[in-house]
Amino acid sequence: MLQKAIPLLPSDNLRATVDFYETRLQFTGTNMGNYAILRSGKAELHFYLVDKKDLHTAACIICTDNLEDLYTNFAARDMLYPKGKIEELSSGKKEFWIQDNNGNRVKFVRQSN
């Protein structure tokens, strides 16, 4: 049985990526030279080092129980991508996006109860 999925995202500068996630998103990071792990609560993101010329972007989803608080925090720091508001989808989900320093997009989602 599957237990957990962890996104593996590209970075052309792991030091800058760890700094971005620690200072802007309050994650805790571990930089291992060509690989980094960032954690916040139960969320975990892994990054691998690529040459800038080989950098491609990716996306991932983080589920949360405090979507509105995160949105307010990130909006105040001009981190929303694209600029906008929380979207309420017909499925009952709410979501918003940010973009990291590598161009990767992170979608924050709260499921309806």
PDB file of N, CA and C in Angstrom:
ATOM      1  N   MET A   1       0.840  -1.180   0.000  1.00  0.00           N
ATOM      2  CA  MET A   1       0.000   0.000   0.000  1.00  0.00           C
ATOM      3  C   MET A   1       0.888   1.248   0.000  1.00  0.00           C
ATOM      4  N   LEU A   2       0.514   2.219  -0.800  1.00  0.00           N
ATOM      5  CA  LEU A   2       1.271   3.467  -0.845  1.00  0.00           C
ATOM      6  C   LEU A   2       1.115   4.226   0.466  1.00  0.00           C
ATOM      7  N   GLN A   3       2.176   4.836   0.939  1.00  0.00           N
ATOM      8  CA  GLN A   3       2.164   5.539   2.225  1.00  0.00           C
ATOM      9  C   GLN A   3       2.340   7.042   2.091  1.00  0.00           C
ATOM     10  N   LYS A   4       3.177   7.474   1.140  1.00  0.00           N
ATOM     11  CA  LYS A   4       3.527   8.888   1.083  1.00  0.00           C
ATOM     12  C   LYS A   4       4.135   9.199  -0.277  1.00  0.00           C
ATOM     13  N   ALA A   5       3.875  10.392  -0.791  1.00  0.00           N
ATOM     14  CA  ALA A   5       4.512  10.856  -2.019  1.00  0.00           C
ATOM     15  C   ALA A   5       5.275  12.139  -1.707  1.00  0.00           C
ATOM     16  N   ILE A   6       6.481  12.245  -2.225  1.00  0.00           N
ATOM     17  CA  ILE A   6       7.308  13.428  -1.978  1.00  0.00           C
ATOM     18  C   ILE A   6       7.740  14.002  -3.315  1.00  0.00           C
ATOM     19  N   PRO A   7       7.381  15.261  -3.594  1.00  0.00           N
ATOM     20  CA  PRO A   7       7.814  15.871  -4.854  1.00  0.00           C
ATOM     21  C   PRO A   7       9.334  16.046  -4.900  1.00  0.00           C
ATOM     22  N   LEU A   8       9.897  15.830  -6.070  1.00  0.00           N
ATOM     23  CA  LEU A   8      11.313  16.046  -6.331  1.00  0.00           C
ATOM     24  C   LEU A   8      11.394  17.133  -7.394  1.00  0.00           C
ATOM     25  N   LEU A   9      11.885  18.312  -7.005  1.00  0.00           N
ATOM     26  CA  LEU A   9      11.864  19.496  -7.853  1.00  0.00           C
ATOM     27  C   LEU A   9      13.280  19.933  -8.213  1.00  0.00           C
ATOM     28  N   PRO A  10      13.454  20.529  -9.382  1.00  0.00           N
ATOM     29  CA  PRO A  10      14.786  20.982  -9.799  1.00  0.00           C
ATOM     30  C   PRO A  10      15.169  22.325  -9.174  1.00  0.00           C
ATOM     31  N   SER A  11      16.475  22.511  -8.998  1.00  0.00           N
ATOM     32  CA  SER A  11      17.029  23.778  -8.503  1.00  0.00           C
ATOM     33  C   SER A  11      18.399  23.983  -9.132  1.00  0.00           C
ATOM     34  N   ASP A  12      18.671  25.211  -9.558  1.00  0.00           N
ATOM     35  CA  ASP A  12      20.007  25.482 -10.086  1.00  0.00           C
ATOM     36  C   ASP A  12      20.914  26.097  -9.023  1.00  0.00           C
ATOM     37  N   ASN A  13      20.376  26.317  -7.819  1.00  0.00           N
ATOM     38  CA  ASN A  13      21.160  26.855  -6.703  1.00  0.00           C
ATOM     39  C   ASN A  13      20.498  26.403  -5.413  1.00  0.00           C
ATOM     40  N   LEU A  14      20.982  25.307  -4.853  1.00  0.00           N
ATOM     41  CA  LEU A  14      20.329  24.734  -3.666  1.00  0.00           C
ATOM     42  C   LEU A  14      20.429  25.649  -2.453  1.00  0.00           C
ATOM     43  N   ARG A  15      21.522  26.369  -2.314  1.00  0.00           N
ATOM     44  CA  ARG A  15      21.655  27.298  -1.183  1.00  0.00           C
ATOM     45  C   ARG A  15      20.549  28.360  -1.236  1.00  0.00           C
ATOM     46  N   ALA A  16      20.317  28.921  -2.437  1.00  0.00           N
ATOM     47  CA  ALA A  16      19.267  29.928  -2.609  1.00  0.00           C
ATOM     48  C   ALA A  16      17.880  29.310  -2.419  1.00  0.00           C
ATOM     49  N   THR A  17      17.699  28.072  -2.850  1.00  0.00           N
ATOM     50  CA  THR A  17      16.413  27.399  -2.685  1.00  0.00           C
ATOM     51  C   THR A  17      16.112  27.157  -1.214  1.00  0.00           C
ATOM     52  N   VAL A  18      17.085  26.642  -0.477  1.00  0.00           N
ATOM     53  CA  VAL A  18      16.889  26.425   0.961  1.00  0.00           C
ATOM     54  C   VAL A  18      16.591  27.756   1.646  1.00  0.00           C
ATOM     55  N   ASP A  19      17.336  28.792   1.297  1.00  0.00           N
ATOM     56  CA  ASP A  19      17.109  30.116   1.880  1.00  0.00           C
ATOM     57  C   ASP A  19      15.697  30.613   1.570  1.00  0.00           C
ATOM     58  N   PHE A  20      15.250  30.464   0.321  1.00  0.00           N
ATOM     59  CA  PHE A  20      13.900  30.891  -0.074  1.00  0.00           C
ATOM     60  C   PHE A  20      12.840  30.202   0.776  1.00  0.00           C
ATOM     61  N   TYR A  21      12.916  28.887   0.864  1.00  0.00           N
ATOM     62  CA  TYR A  21      11.890  28.140   1.599  1.00  0.00           C
ATOM     63  C   TYR A  21      11.975  28.379   3.106  1.00  0.00           C
ATOM     64  N   GLU A  22      13.165  28.562   3.644  1.00  0.00           N
ATOM     65  CA  GLU A  22      13.289  28.838   5.078  1.00  0.00           C
ATOM     66  C   GLU A  22      12.805  30.242   5.427  1.00  0.00           C
ATOM     67  N   THR A  23      13.251  31.241   4.681  1.00  0.00           N
ATOM     68  CA  THR A  23      12.923  32.622   5.058  1.00  0.00           C
ATOM     69  C   THR A  23      11.533  33.046   4.600  1.00  0.00           C
ATOM     70  N   ARG A  24      11.068  32.569   3.460  1.00  0.00           N
ATOM     71  CA  ARG A  24       9.785  33.032   2.933  1.00  0.00           C
ATOM     72  C   ARG A  24       8.619  32.116   3.292  1.00  0.00           C
ATOM     73  N   LEU A  25       8.885  30.821   3.479  1.00  0.00           N
ATOM     74  CA  LEU A  25       7.801  29.872   3.743  1.00  0.00           C
ATOM     75  C   LEU A  25       7.908  29.188   5.103  1.00  0.00           C
ATOM     76  N   GLN A  26       8.943  29.503   5.868  1.00  0.00           N
ATOM     77  CA  GLN A  26       9.162  28.937   7.199  1.00  0.00           C
ATOM     78  C   GLN A  26       9.347  27.418   7.200  1.00  0.00           C
ATOM     79  N   PHE A  27       9.936  26.886   6.131  1.00  0.00           N
ATOM     80  CA  PHE A  27      10.333  25.485   6.103  1.00  0.00           C
ATOM     81  C   PHE A  27      11.669  25.351   6.831  1.00  0.00           C
ATOM     82  N   THR A  28      12.031  24.134   7.201  1.00  0.00           N
ATOM     83  CA  THR A  28      13.342  23.824   7.742  1.00  0.00           C
ATOM     84  C   THR A  28      14.081  23.021   6.680  1.00  0.00           C
ATOM     85  N   GLY A  29      15.297  23.454   6.346  1.00  0.00           N
ATOM     86  CA  GLY A  29      15.990  22.822   5.239  1.00  0.00           C
ATOM     87  C   GLY A  29      17.284  22.148   5.611  1.00  0.00           C
ATOM     88  N   THR A  30      17.637  21.147   4.820  1.00  0.00           N
ATOM     89  CA  THR A  30      18.918  20.469   4.905  1.00  0.00           C
ATOM     90  C   THR A  30      19.518  20.452   3.508  1.00  0.00           C
ATOM     91  N   ASN A  31      20.690  21.073   3.362  1.00  0.00           N
ATOM     92  CA  ASN A  31      21.380  21.132   2.079  1.00  0.00           C
ATOM     93  C   ASN A  31      22.526  20.130   2.124  1.00  0.00           C
ATOM     94  N   MET A  32      22.512  19.167   1.193  1.00  0.00           N
ATOM     95  CA  MET A  32      23.527  18.127   1.159  1.00  0.00           C
ATOM     96  C   MET A  32      24.454  18.278  -0.043  1.00  0.00           C
ATOM     97  N   GLY A  33      24.575  19.503  -0.552  1.00  0.00           N
ATOM     98  CA  GLY A  33      25.479  19.753  -1.665  1.00  0.00           C
ATOM     99  C   GLY A  33      24.788  19.732  -3.012  1.00  0.00           C
ATOM    100  N   ASN A  34      24.343  18.541  -3.442  1.00  0.00           N
ATOM    101  CA  ASN A  34      23.632  18.451  -4.717  1.00  0.00           C
ATOM    102  C   ASN A  34      22.193  17.985  -4.544  1.00  0.00           C
ATOM    103  N   TYR A  35      21.724  18.008  -3.291  1.00  0.00           N
ATOM    104  CA  TYR A  35      20.372  17.559  -2.949  1.00  0.00           C
ATOM    105  C   TYR A  35      19.944  18.297  -1.695  1.00  0.00           C
ATOM    106  N   ALA A  36      18.674  18.686  -1.616  1.00  0.00           N
ATOM    107  CA  ALA A  36      18.181  19.375  -0.421  1.00  0.00           C
ATOM    108  C   ALA A  36      16.808  18.838  -0.054  1.00  0.00           C
ATOM    109  N   ILE A  37      16.539  18.841   1.238  1.00  0.00           N
ATOM    110  CA  ILE A  37      15.234  18.428   1.759  1.00  0.00           C
ATOM    111  C   ILE A  37      14.693  19.575   2.590  1.00  0.00           C
ATOM    112  N   LEU A  38      13.437  19.930   2.328  1.00  0.00           N
ATOM    113  CA  LEU A  38      12.780  20.999   3.076  1.00  0.00           C
ATOM    114  C   LEU A  38      11.501  20.446   3.683  1.00  0.00           C
ATOM    115  N   ARG A  39      11.263  20.786   4.954  1.00  0.00           N
ATOM    116  CA  ARG A  39      10.097  20.258   5.671  1.00  0.00           C
ATOM    117  C   ARG A  39       9.371  21.375   6.411  1.00  0.00           C
ATOM    118  N   SER A  40       8.058  21.225   6.452  1.00  0.00           N
ATOM    119  CA  SER A  40       7.208  22.077   7.279  1.00  0.00           C
ATOM    120  C   SER A  40       6.005  21.234   7.671  1.00  0.00           C
ATOM    121  N   GLY A  41       5.881  20.955   8.967  1.00  0.00           N
ATOM    122  CA  GLY A  41       4.818  20.051   9.410  1.00  0.00           C
ATOM    123  C   GLY A  41       4.989  18.715   8.734  1.00  0.00           C
ATOM    124  N   LYS A  42       3.931  18.204   8.112  1.00  0.00           N
ATOM    125  CA  LYS A  42       4.000  16.924   7.399  1.00  0.00           C
ATOM    126  C   LYS A  42       4.406  17.096   5.936  1.00  0.00           C
ATOM    127  N   ALA A  43       4.532  18.342   5.483  1.00  0.00           N
ATOM    128  CA  ALA A  43       4.924  18.593   4.092  1.00  0.00           C
ATOM    129  C   ALA A  43       6.434  18.439   3.944  1.00  0.00           C
ATOM    130  N   GLU A  44       6.833  17.807   2.854  1.00  0.00           N
ATOM    131  CA  GLU A  44       8.245  17.592   2.578  1.00  0.00           C
ATOM    132  C   GLU A  44       8.485  17.762   1.085  1.00  0.00           C
ATOM    133  N   LEU A  45       9.477  18.581   0.742  1.00  0.00           N
ATOM    134  CA  LEU A  45       9.858  18.803  -0.644  1.00  0.00           C
ATOM    135  C   LEU A  45      11.330  18.453  -0.792  1.00  0.00           C
ATOM    136  N   HIS A  46      11.678  17.754  -1.853  1.00  0.00           N
ATOM    137  CA  HIS A  46      13.069  17.430  -2.144  1.00  0.00           C
ATOM    138  C   HIS A  46      13.471  18.181  -3.410  1.00  0.00           C
ATOM    139  N   PHE A  47      14.717  18.621  -3.455  1.00  0.00           N
ATOM    140  CA  PHE A  47      15.254  19.352  -4.601  1.00  0.00           C
ATOM    141  C   PHE A  47      16.557  18.714  -5.036  1.00  0.00           C
ATOM    142  N   TYR A  48      16.763  18.639  -6.336  1.00  0.00           N
ATOM    143  CA  TYR A  48      18.013  18.134  -6.882  1.00  0.00           C
ATOM    144  C   TYR A  48      18.661  19.238  -7.702  1.00  0.00           C
ATOM    145  N   LEU A  49      19.975  19.237  -7.715  1.00  0.00           N
ATOM    146  CA  LEU A  49      20.746  20.272  -8.389  1.00  0.00           C
ATOM    147  C   LEU A  49      20.836  19.987  -9.885  1.00  0.00           C
ATOM    148  N   VAL A  50      20.574  21.014 -10.685  1.00  0.00           N
ATOM    149  CA  VAL A  50      20.725  20.935 -12.136  1.00  0.00           C
ATOM    150  C   VAL A  50      21.491  22.160 -12.603  1.00  0.00           C
ATOM    151  N   ASP A  51      22.166  22.033 -13.746  1.00  0.00           N
ATOM    152  CA  ASP A  51      22.808  23.194 -14.360  1.00  0.00           C
ATOM    153  C   ASP A  51      21.720  24.165 -14.809  1.00  0.00           C
ATOM    154  N   LYS A  52      22.013  25.450 -14.735  1.00  0.00           N
ATOM    155  CA  LYS A  52      21.039  26.459 -15.127  1.00  0.00           C
ATOM    156  C   LYS A  52      20.509  26.204 -16.541  1.00  0.00           C
ATOM    157  N   LYS A  53      21.365  25.788 -17.451  1.00  0.00           N
ATOM    158  CA  LYS A  53      20.937  25.542 -18.828  1.00  0.00           C
ATOM    159  C   LYS A  53      19.974  24.363 -18.923  1.00  0.00           C
ATOM    160  N   ASP A  54      19.991  23.468 -17.933  1.00  0.00           N
ATOM    161  CA  ASP A  54      19.109  22.303 -17.925  1.00  0.00           C
ATOM    162  C   ASP A  54      17.891  22.488 -17.027  1.00  0.00           C
ATOM    163  N   LEU A  55      17.777  23.677 -16.419  1.00  0.00           N
ATOM    164  CA  LEU A  55      16.680  23.912 -15.469  1.00  0.00           C
ATOM    165  C   LEU A  55      15.341  23.901 -16.202  1.00  0.00           C
ATOM    166  N   HIS A  56      14.466  23.080 -15.733  1.00  0.00           N
ATOM    167  CA  HIS A  56      13.081  23.069 -16.191  1.00  0.00           C
ATOM    168  C   HIS A  56      12.235  23.254 -14.935  1.00  0.00           C
ATOM    169  N   THR A  57      11.040  23.672 -15.088  1.00  0.00           N
ATOM    170  CA  THR A  57      10.231  23.909 -13.903  1.00  0.00           C
ATOM    171  C   THR A  57       9.246  22.776 -13.694  1.00  0.00           C
ATOM    172  N   ALA A  58       8.777  22.695 -12.473  1.00  0.00           N
ATOM    173  CA  ALA A  58       7.833  21.656 -12.082  1.00  0.00           C
ATOM    174  C   ALA A  58       6.804  22.279 -11.147  1.00  0.00           C
ATOM    175  N   ALA A  59       5.883  21.470 -10.709  1.00  0.00           N
ATOM    176  CA  ALA A  59       4.855  21.949  -9.790  1.00  0.00           C
ATOM    177  C   ALA A  59       4.531  20.858  -8.789  1.00  0.00           C
ATOM    178  N   CYS A  60       3.995  21.268  -7.657  1.00  0.00           N
ATOM    179  CA  CYS A  60       3.541  20.307  -6.662  1.00  0.00           C
ATOM    180  C   CYS A  60       2.370  20.913  -5.894  1.00  0.00           C
ATOM    181  N   ILE A  61       1.694  20.079  -5.154  1.00  0.00           N
ATOM    182  CA  ILE A  61       0.541  20.488  -4.354  1.00  0.00           C
ATOM    183  C   ILE A  61       0.848  20.209  -2.887  1.00  0.00           C
ATOM    184  N   ILE A  62       0.525  21.173  -2.036  1.00  0.00           N
ATOM    185  CA  ILE A  62       0.628  20.980  -0.590  1.00  0.00           C
ATOM    186  C   ILE A  62      -0.763  21.182   0.000  1.00  0.00           C
ATOM    187  N   CYS A  63      -1.268  20.175   0.685  1.00  0.00           N
ATOM    188  CA  CYS A  63      -2.569  20.262   1.352  1.00  0.00           C
ATOM    189  C   CYS A  63      -2.375  20.869   2.732  1.00  0.00           C
ATOM    190  N   THR A  64      -3.315  21.723   3.121  1.00  0.00           N
ATOM    191  CA  THR A  64      -3.195  22.416   4.397  1.00  0.00           C
ATOM    192  C   THR A  64      -4.554  22.586   5.054  1.00  0.00           C
ATOM    193  N   ASP A  65      -4.539  22.788   6.357  1.00  0.00           N
ATOM    194  CA  ASP A  65      -5.781  23.062   7.082  1.00  0.00           C
ATOM    195  C   ASP A  65      -5.902  24.545   7.433  1.00  0.00           C
ATOM    196  N   ASN A  66      -4.915  25.353   7.043  1.00  0.00           N
ATOM    197  CA  ASN A  66      -4.967  26.797   7.336  1.00  0.00           C
ATOM    198  C   ASN A  66      -4.726  27.617   6.069  1.00  0.00           C
ATOM    199  N   LEU A  67      -5.472  27.310   5.042  1.00  0.00           N
ATOM    200  CA  LEU A  67      -5.275  27.931   3.734  1.00  0.00           C
ATOM    201  C   LEU A  67      -5.402  29.450   3.790  1.00  0.00           C
ATOM    202  N   GLU A  68      -6.419  29.951   4.462  1.00  0.00           N
ATOM    203  CA  GLU A  68      -6.637  31.395   4.506  1.00  0.00           C
ATOM    204  C   GLU A  68      -5.484  32.113   5.204  1.00  0.00           C
ATOM    205  N   ASP A  69      -4.974  31.530   6.281  1.00  0.00           N
ATOM    206  CA  ASP A  69      -3.833  32.134   6.990  1.00  0.00           C
ATOM    207  C   ASP A  69      -2.599  32.175   6.090  1.00  0.00           C
ATOM    208  N   LEU A  70      -2.317  31.070   5.407  1.00  0.00           N
ATOM    209  CA  LEU A  70      -1.174  31.036   4.486  1.00  0.00           C
ATOM    210  C   LEU A  70      -1.358  32.059   3.374  1.00  0.00           C
ATOM    211  N   TYR A  71      -2.563  32.115   2.823  1.00  0.00           N
ATOM    212  CA  TYR A  71      -2.841  33.065   1.749  1.00  0.00           C
ATOM    213  C   TYR A  71      -2.576  34.494   2.211  1.00  0.00           C
ATOM    214  N   THR A  72      -3.085  34.858   3.373  1.00  0.00           N
ATOM    215  CA  THR A  72      -2.893  36.211   3.903  1.00  0.00           C
ATOM    216  C   THR A  72      -1.411  36.503   4.091  1.00  0.00           C
ATOM    217  N   ASN A  73      -0.686  35.546   4.639  1.00  0.00           N
ATOM    218  CA  ASN A  73       0.756  35.690   4.868  1.00  0.00           C
ATOM    219  C   ASN A  73       1.496  35.873   3.548  1.00  0.00           C
ATOM    220  N   PHE A  74       1.231  35.023   2.572  1.00  0.00           N
ATOM    221  CA  PHE A  74       1.947  35.087   1.302  1.00  0.00           C
ATOM    222  C   PHE A  74       1.532  36.299   0.471  1.00  0.00           C
ATOM    223  N   ALA A  75       0.263  36.689   0.532  1.00  0.00           N
ATOM    224  CA  ALA A  75      -0.199  37.871  -0.198  1.00  0.00           C
ATOM    225  C   ALA A  75       0.479  39.130   0.347  1.00  0.00           C
ATOM    226  N   ALA A  76       0.642  39.199   1.663  1.00  0.00           N
ATOM    227  CA  ALA A  76       1.288  40.365   2.282  1.00  0.00           C
ATOM    228  C   ALA A  76       2.748  40.480   1.867  1.00  0.00           C
ATOM    229  N   ARG A  77       3.359  39.361   1.482  1.00  0.00           N
ATOM    230  CA  ARG A  77       4.759  39.360   1.053  1.00  0.00           C
ATOM    231  C   ARG A  77       4.896  39.266  -0.465  1.00  0.00           C
ATOM    232  N   ASP A  78       3.790  39.546  -1.171  1.00  0.00           N
ATOM    233  CA  ASP A  78       3.779  39.592  -2.636  1.00  0.00           C
ATOM    234  C   ASP A  78       4.326  38.302  -3.251  1.00  0.00           C
ATOM    235  N   MET A  79       3.845  37.157  -2.769  1.00  0.00           N
ATOM    236  CA  MET A  79       4.341  35.865  -3.239  1.00  0.00           C
ATOM    237  C   MET A  79       3.343  35.105  -4.101  1.00  0.00           C
ATOM    238  N   LEU A  80       2.150  35.623  -4.309  1.00  0.00           N
ATOM    239  CA  LEU A  80       1.131  34.882  -5.042  1.00  0.00           C
ATOM    240  C   LEU A  80       1.481  34.809  -6.525  1.00  0.00           C
ATOM    241  N   TYR A  81       1.178  33.669  -7.128  1.00  0.00           N
ATOM    242  CA  TYR A  81       1.428  33.493  -8.553  1.00  0.00           C
ATOM    243  C   TYR A  81       0.240  32.765  -9.175  1.00  0.00           C
ATOM    244  N   PRO A  82      -0.401  33.329 -10.146  1.00  0.00           N
ATOM    245  CA  PRO A  82      -0.299  34.751 -10.490  1.00  0.00           C
ATOM    246  C   PRO A  82      -0.938  35.588  -9.397  1.00  0.00           C
ATOM    247  N   LYS A  83      -0.790  36.869  -9.472  1.00  0.00           N
ATOM    248  CA  LYS A  83      -1.387  37.742  -8.472  1.00  0.00           C
ATOM    249  C   LYS A  83      -2.892  37.495  -8.471  1.00  0.00           C
ATOM    250  N   GLY A  84      -3.458  37.377  -7.310  1.00  0.00           N
ATOM    251  CA  GLY A  84      -4.894  37.112  -7.280  1.00  0.00           C
ATOM    252  C   GLY A  84      -5.374  36.728  -5.914  1.00  0.00           C
ATOM    253  N   LYS A  85      -6.415  35.950  -5.907  1.00  0.00           N
ATOM    254  CA  LYS A  85      -7.041  35.587  -4.655  1.00  0.00           C
ATOM    255  C   LYS A  85      -7.202  34.077  -4.577  1.00  0.00           C
ATOM    256  N   ILE A  86      -7.667  33.621  -3.444  1.00  0.00           N
ATOM    257  CA  ILE A  86      -7.968  32.203  -3.291  1.00  0.00           C
ATOM    258  C   ILE A  86      -9.074  31.848  -4.274  1.00  0.00           C
ATOM    259  N   GLU A  87      -8.866  30.760  -4.995  1.00  0.00           N
ATOM    260  CA  GLU A  87      -9.894  30.290  -5.920  1.00  0.00           C
ATOM    261  C   GLU A  87     -10.764  29.255  -5.218  1.00  0.00           C
ATOM    262  N   GLU A  88     -12.054  29.392  -5.379  1.00  0.00           N
ATOM    263  CA  GLU A  88     -12.975  28.380  -4.873  1.00  0.00           C
ATOM    264  C   GLU A  88     -13.484  27.599  -6.077  1.00  0.00           C
ATOM    265  N   LEU A  89     -13.174  26.324  -6.115  1.00  0.00           N
ATOM    266  CA  LEU A  89     -13.498  25.481  -7.259  1.00  0.00           C
ATOM    267  C   LEU A  89     -14.860  24.821  -7.073  1.00  0.00           C
ATOM    268  N   SER A  90     -15.447  24.390  -8.161  1.00  0.00           N
ATOM    269  CA  SER A  90     -16.767  23.748  -8.099  1.00  0.00           C
ATOM    270  C   SER A  90     -16.732  22.452  -7.281  1.00  0.00           C
ATOM    271  N   SER A  91     -15.551  21.860  -7.159  1.00  0.00           N
ATOM    272  CA  SER A  91     -15.411  20.627  -6.382  1.00  0.00           C
ATOM    273  C   SER A  91     -15.460  20.876  -4.883  1.00  0.00           C
ATOM    274  N   GLY A  92     -15.475  22.155  -4.475  1.00  0.00           N
ATOM    275  CA  GLY A  92     -15.481  22.489  -3.057  1.00  0.00           C
ATOM    276  C   GLY A  92     -14.093  22.784  -2.523  1.00  0.00           C
ATOM    277  N   LYS A  93     -13.070  22.543  -3.326  1.00  0.00           N
ATOM    278  CA  LYS A  93     -11.711  22.848  -2.907  1.00  0.00           C
ATOM    279  C   LYS A  93     -11.452  24.338  -3.024  1.00  0.00           C
ATOM    280  N   LYS A  94     -10.527  24.812  -2.207  1.00  0.00           N
ATOM    281  CA  LYS A  94     -10.002  26.165  -2.333  1.00  0.00           C
ATOM    282  C   LYS A  94      -8.508  26.030  -2.547  1.00  0.00           C
ATOM    283  N   GLU A  95      -7.934  26.967  -3.325  1.00  0.00           N
ATOM    284  CA  GLU A  95      -6.509  26.862  -3.627  1.00  0.00           C
ATOM    285  C   GLU A  95      -5.933  28.214  -4.012  1.00  0.00           C
ATOM    286  N   PHE A  96      -4.593  28.294  -3.895  1.00  0.00           N
ATOM    287  CA  PHE A  96      -3.834  29.397  -4.469  1.00  0.00           C
ATOM    288  C   PHE A  96      -2.433  28.888  -4.773  1.00  0.00           C
ATOM    289  N   TRP A  97      -1.705  29.667  -5.589  1.00  0.00           N
ATOM    290  CA  TRP A  97      -0.372  29.282  -6.049  1.00  0.00           C
ATOM    291  C   TRP A  97       0.676  30.297  -5.615  1.00  0.00           C
ATOM    292  N   ILE A  98       1.910  29.811  -5.447  1.00  0.00           N
ATOM    293  CA  ILE A  98       3.090  30.672  -5.359  1.00  0.00           C
ATOM    294  C   ILE A  98       4.111  30.119  -6.351  1.00  0.00           C
ATOM    295  N   GLN A  99       5.153  30.895  -6.609  1.00  0.00           N
ATOM    296  CA  GLN A  99       6.249  30.436  -7.454  1.00  0.00           C
ATOM    297  C   GLN A  99       7.547  30.619  -6.691  1.00  0.00           C
ATOM    298  N   ASP A 100       8.402  29.592  -6.683  1.00  0.00           N
ATOM    299  CA  ASP A 100       9.654  29.699  -5.945  1.00  0.00           C
ATOM    300  C   ASP A 100      10.745  30.361  -6.781  1.00  0.00           C
ATOM    301  N   ASN A 101      11.931  30.451  -6.214  1.00  0.00           N
ATOM    302  CA  ASN A 101      13.054  31.130  -6.866  1.00  0.00           C
ATOM    303  C   ASN A 101      13.589  30.399  -8.095  1.00  0.00           C
ATOM    304  N   ASN A 102      13.160  29.163  -8.326  1.00  0.00           N
ATOM    305  CA  ASN A 102      13.571  28.395  -9.504  1.00  0.00           C
ATOM    306  C   ASN A 102      12.514  28.408 -10.601  1.00  0.00           C
ATOM    307  N   GLY A 103      11.360  29.006 -10.322  1.00  0.00           N
ATOM    308  CA  GLY A 103      10.251  28.977 -11.265  1.00  0.00           C
ATOM    309  C   GLY A 103       9.293  27.825 -11.019  1.00  0.00           C
ATOM    310  N   ASN A 104       9.582  26.969 -10.029  1.00  0.00           N
ATOM    311  CA  ASN A 104       8.660  25.898  -9.667  1.00  0.00           C
ATOM    312  C   ASN A 104       7.406  26.517  -9.054  1.00  0.00           C
ATOM    313  N   ARG A 105       6.279  25.913  -9.328  1.00  0.00           N
ATOM    314  CA  ARG A 105       5.020  26.406  -8.767  1.00  0.00           C
ATOM    315  C   ARG A 105       4.526  25.470  -7.679  1.00  0.00           C
ATOM    316  N   VAL A 106       4.045  26.070  -6.591  1.00  0.00           N
ATOM    317  CA  VAL A 106       3.510  25.311  -5.470  1.00  0.00           C
ATOM    318  C   VAL A 106       2.062  25.732  -5.281  1.00  0.00           C
ATOM    319  N   LYS A 107       1.172  24.745  -5.362  1.00  0.00           N
ATOM    320  CA  LYS A 107      -0.252  25.012  -5.145  1.00  0.00           C
ATOM    321  C   LYS A 107      -0.600  24.572  -3.728  1.00  0.00           C
ATOM    322  N   PHE A 108      -1.221  25.475  -2.977  1.00  0.00           N
ATOM    323  CA  PHE A 108      -1.708  25.177  -1.642  1.00  0.00           C
ATOM    324  C   PHE A 108      -3.208  24.940  -1.741  1.00  0.00           C
ATOM    325  N   VAL A 109      -3.685  23.842  -1.160  1.00  0.00           N
ATOM    326  CA  VAL A 109      -5.068  23.405  -1.312  1.00  0.00           C
ATOM    327  C   VAL A 109      -5.655  23.052   0.043  1.00  0.00           C
ATOM    328  N   ARG A 110      -6.928  23.418   0.209  1.00  0.00           N
ATOM    329  CA  ARG A 110      -7.695  22.904   1.342  1.00  0.00           C
ATOM    330  C   ARG A 110      -8.902  22.183   0.763  1.00  0.00           C
ATOM    331  N   GLN A 111      -9.093  20.955   1.179  1.00  0.00           N
ATOM    332  CA  GLN A 111     -10.249  20.182   0.752  1.00  0.00           C
ATOM    333  C   GLN A 111     -11.474  20.664   1.507  1.00  0.00           C
ATOM    334  N   SER A 112     -12.635  20.580   0.877  1.00  0.00           N
ATOM    335  CA  SER A 112     -13.874  20.902   1.601  1.00  0.00           C
ATOM    336  C   SER A 112     -14.175  19.757   2.558  1.00  0.00           C
ATOM    337  N   ASN A 113     -14.862  20.078   3.614  1.00  0.00           N
ATOM    338  CA  ASN A 113     -15.190  19.036   4.612  1.00  0.00           C
ATOM    339  C   ASN A 113     -16.415  18.256   4.214  1.00  0.00           C
TER     340      ASN A 113
END
